[in-house]
Amino acid sequence: MTQHEDIDLKRYIRNIPDFPKPGILFYDISTLMREPDAWQIAMGRLARQIAPWEPDMLAAVESRGFLTAAPLADRLGCGMLMLRKPGKLPGATISHTYDLEYGSDTLQIQADAIKPGQRVVVMDDLLATGGTLSASVTLLQKAGANVVGASVLVELTGLGGRAKVDAPVKTLLSYDE
């Protein structure tokens, strides 16, 4: 065991009640990112989880997925692409619209971002109900990717989102709420 194995990264995640609306407990990763040593440890742990999937590309979900995908792509020596809201990517895009609890949303990828069969890992900050992560996997598959996994910093296990994702999921920190 290395000296960093015993560091509890949950100590660096701030919980904010009633944000963005009453009844929601928000897990704020910005406090983790502000601590250089803790952030380095978090990225190292995520890299160790993802490396066995041997990704060609990390697919970052807008916008907080960008925060983990960029440093991890650098560490793993793979590419990175962005899954964005409509109107944010130049050139031809592929879209996927999906249902949320109260409405719908759309994600897009540039049509030339994936070579058929490339091994892709989806990156986001949080897995809650699974809608966005599931939609990301579907969009990437539509674009020709071989989605080998999904990785998140925080999972709210009590909401059952993992069951909706059509790919193996790795989580750095789990909360039962």
Protein backbone atom coordinates (compact mmCIF):
# COMPACT_ATOMS: atom_id res chain seq x y z
CA MET A 1 0.00 0.00 0.00
CA THR A 2 1.36 3.41 -0.94
CA GLN A 3 1.16 6.44 1.32
CA HIS A 4 -1.76 7.83 -0.72
CA GLU A 5 -4.00 4.75 -0.50
CA ASP A 6 -5.40 5.77 2.88
CA ILE A 7 -6.39 9.33 1.90
CA ASP A 8 -10.18 9.74 2.02
CA LEU A 9 -11.08 11.96 -0.92
CA LYS A 10 -14.62 12.41 0.42
CA ARG A 11 -13.11 14.86 2.91
CA TYR A 12 -12.49 17.18 -0.03
CA ILE A 13 -16.03 17.07 -1.46
CA ARG A 14 -18.27 19.79 -0.06
CA ASN A 15 -21.95 18.95 0.46
CA ILE A 16 -24.37 21.82 -0.19
CA PRO A 17 -27.98 21.23 0.89
CA ASP A 18 -30.88 22.59 -1.16
CA PHE A 19 -28.83 23.33 -4.28
CA PRO A 20 -29.81 23.88 -7.04
CA LYS A 21 -33.28 23.52 -5.55
CA PRO A 22 -34.84 22.53 -2.21
CA GLY A 23 -34.44 18.87 -1.30
CA ILE A 24 -31.30 18.32 -3.39
CA LEU A 25 -27.94 17.63 -1.72
CA PHE A 26 -25.23 18.88 -4.10
CA TYR A 27 -21.79 17.23 -4.09
CA ASP A 28 -19.37 20.03 -4.97
CA ILE A 29 -16.19 18.74 -6.64
CA SER A 30 -14.70 22.25 -6.92
CA THR A 31 -13.37 21.90 -3.38
CA LEU A 32 -11.51 18.72 -4.41
CA MET A 33 -10.05 20.46 -7.46
CA ARG A 34 -8.75 23.34 -5.32
CA GLU A 35 -6.51 20.99 -3.33
CA PRO A 36 -3.59 20.11 -5.63
CA ASP A 37 -2.46 16.99 -3.76
CA ALA A 38 -5.99 15.58 -3.41
CA TRP A 39 -6.74 16.35 -7.08
CA GLN A 40 -3.55 14.56 -8.17
CA ILE A 41 -4.52 11.55 -6.07
CA ALA A 42 -8.04 11.54 -7.54
CA MET A 43 -6.68 11.67 -11.10
CA GLY A 44 -4.21 8.89 -10.32
CA ARG A 45 -6.95 6.67 -8.93
CA LEU A 46 -9.21 7.34 -11.93
CA ALA A 47 -6.34 6.62 -14.32
CA ARG A 48 -5.71 3.25 -12.61
CA GLN A 49 -9.42 2.39 -12.93
CA ILE A 50 -9.64 3.35 -16.60
CA ALA A 51 -6.28 2.08 -17.91
CA PRO A 52 -7.32 -1.62 -18.07
CA TRP A 53 -10.03 -0.67 -20.60
CA GLU A 54 -7.25 0.51 -22.96
CA PRO A 55 -9.24 3.44 -24.38
CA ASP A 56 -8.36 5.11 -27.65
CA MET A 57 -10.50 8.06 -26.64
CA LEU A 58 -12.15 9.59 -23.58
CA ALA A 59 -15.57 11.14 -24.26
CA ALA A 60 -16.21 14.07 -21.91
CA VAL A 61 -19.82 14.97 -21.08
CA GLU A 62 -20.48 18.74 -21.00
CA SER A 63 -19.26 20.39 -18.99
CA ARG A 64 -17.86 18.89 -15.82
CA GLY A 65 -16.77 15.73 -17.65
CA PHE A 66 -14.21 17.97 -19.37
CA LEU A 67 -12.51 18.51 -16.01
CA THR A 68 -11.54 14.86 -15.56
CA ALA A 69 -11.24 13.75 -19.18
CA ALA A 70 -8.57 16.27 -20.19
CA PRO A 71 -5.97 15.41 -17.53
CA LEU A 72 -6.74 11.70 -17.81
CA ALA A 73 -6.35 11.66 -21.60
CA ASP A 74 -2.93 13.22 -21.06
CA ARG A 75 -1.97 10.63 -18.42
CA LEU A 76 -3.28 7.68 -20.44
CA GLY A 77 -1.90 8.84 -23.78
CA CYS A 78 -5.25 8.74 -25.53
CA GLY A 79 -7.46 11.25 -27.32
CA MET A 80 -10.41 13.19 -25.95
CA LEU A 81 -13.66 14.31 -27.50
CA MET A 82 -16.52 16.42 -26.21
CA LEU A 83 -20.21 15.57 -25.94
CA ARG A 84 -21.96 18.93 -26.01
CA LYS A 85 -25.33 20.64 -26.03
CA PRO A 86 -26.71 21.62 -29.47
CA GLY A 87 -25.05 24.54 -31.22
CA LYS A 88 -21.71 24.25 -29.38
CA LEU A 89 -19.72 22.14 -31.87
CA PRO A 90 -18.64 23.29 -35.34
CA GLY A 91 -19.13 21.15 -38.43
CA ALA A 92 -21.45 18.22 -38.98
CA THR A 93 -22.77 16.60 -35.79
CA ILE A 94 -24.63 13.50 -34.66
CA SER A 95 -27.37 14.12 -32.06
CA HIS A 96 -29.22 12.09 -29.48
CA THR A 97 -32.25 13.42 -27.61
CA TYR A 98 -33.20 11.74 -24.35
CA ASP A 99 -35.82 12.07 -21.64
CA LEU A 100 -35.17 13.51 -18.22
CA GLU A 101 -37.43 13.51 -15.17
CA TYR A 102 -38.98 16.80 -16.26
CA GLY A 103 -38.48 17.23 -20.00
CA SER A 104 -35.77 16.22 -22.43
CA ASP A 105 -32.24 17.15 -23.43
CA THR A 106 -29.93 16.63 -26.39
CA LEU A 107 -26.25 15.79 -26.71
CA GLN A 108 -24.15 16.08 -29.84
CA ILE A 109 -20.81 14.79 -31.08
CA GLN A 110 -18.89 15.89 -34.15
CA ALA A 111 -19.62 13.44 -36.95
CA ASP A 112 -15.91 12.79 -37.57
CA ALA A 113 -14.86 12.49 -33.91
CA ILE A 114 -14.90 8.69 -33.80
CA LYS A 115 -13.37 6.12 -36.10
CA PRO A 116 -15.61 3.03 -36.23
CA GLY A 117 -14.68 0.56 -33.52
CA GLN A 118 -12.53 2.92 -31.45
CA ARG A 119 -12.46 2.01 -27.76
CA VAL A 120 -14.12 4.86 -25.86
CA VAL A 121 -14.65 5.56 -22.16
CA VAL A 122 -17.32 8.12 -21.20
CA MET A 123 -16.29 10.59 -18.47
CA ASP A 124 -18.59 12.66 -16.26
CA ASP A 125 -18.46 14.08 -12.77
CA LEU A 126 -21.63 12.50 -11.36
CA LEU A 127 -23.86 9.47 -11.86
CA ALA A 128 -27.30 10.02 -10.34
CA THR A 129 -30.37 8.73 -12.21
CA GLY A 130 -28.26 7.64 -15.20
CA GLY A 131 -30.07 9.57 -17.93
CA THR A 132 -27.15 11.60 -19.22
CA LEU A 133 -24.58 8.82 -18.95
CA SER A 134 -26.91 6.37 -20.69
CA ALA A 135 -27.62 8.90 -23.46
CA SER A 136 -23.88 9.47 -23.87
CA VAL A 137 -23.26 5.76 -24.41
CA THR A 138 -26.11 5.58 -26.94
CA LEU A 139 -24.83 8.62 -28.85
CA LEU A 140 -21.29 7.23 -28.99
CA GLN A 141 -22.54 3.85 -30.20
CA LYS A 142 -24.59 5.66 -32.86
CA ALA A 143 -21.34 7.35 -33.96
CA GLY A 144 -19.59 3.96 -34.29
CA ALA A 145 -17.70 3.80 -30.99
CA ASN A 146 -17.00 0.66 -29.01
CA VAL A 147 -17.93 2.02 -25.58
CA VAL A 148 -15.83 -0.07 -23.21
CA GLY A 149 -16.78 1.77 -20.02
CA ALA A 150 -17.94 4.85 -18.18
CA SER A 151 -16.17 6.59 -15.32
CA VAL A 152 -17.43 9.17 -12.82
CA LEU A 153 -15.99 10.94 -9.81
CA VAL A 154 -19.18 10.61 -7.71
CA GLU A 155 -22.04 8.10 -7.82
CA LEU A 156 -25.27 8.47 -5.87
CA THR A 157 -25.93 4.73 -5.54
CA GLY A 158 -29.42 5.08 -4.03
CA LEU A 159 -30.78 6.51 -7.29
CA GLY A 160 -29.98 3.38 -9.31
CA GLY A 161 -28.51 5.15 -12.32
CA ARG A 162 -25.85 2.51 -12.95
CA ALA A 163 -28.53 0.03 -14.08
CA LYS A 164 -29.47 2.33 -16.99
CA VAL A 165 -25.96 2.53 -18.42
CA ASP A 166 -25.18 0.05 -21.21
CA ALA A 167 -21.49 -0.18 -20.28
CA PRO A 168 -19.38 -1.11 -17.25
CA VAL A 169 -19.21 1.78 -14.78
CA LYS A 170 -16.30 2.68 -12.48
CA THR A 171 -16.78 5.19 -9.68
CA LEU A 172 -14.21 6.96 -7.57
CA LEU A 173 -16.54 7.97 -4.68
CA SER A 174 -19.94 6.50 -3.81
CA TYR A 175 -22.67 8.03 -1.66
CA ASP A 176 -25.86 6.26 -0.56
CA GLU A 177 -28.04 9.41 -0.53
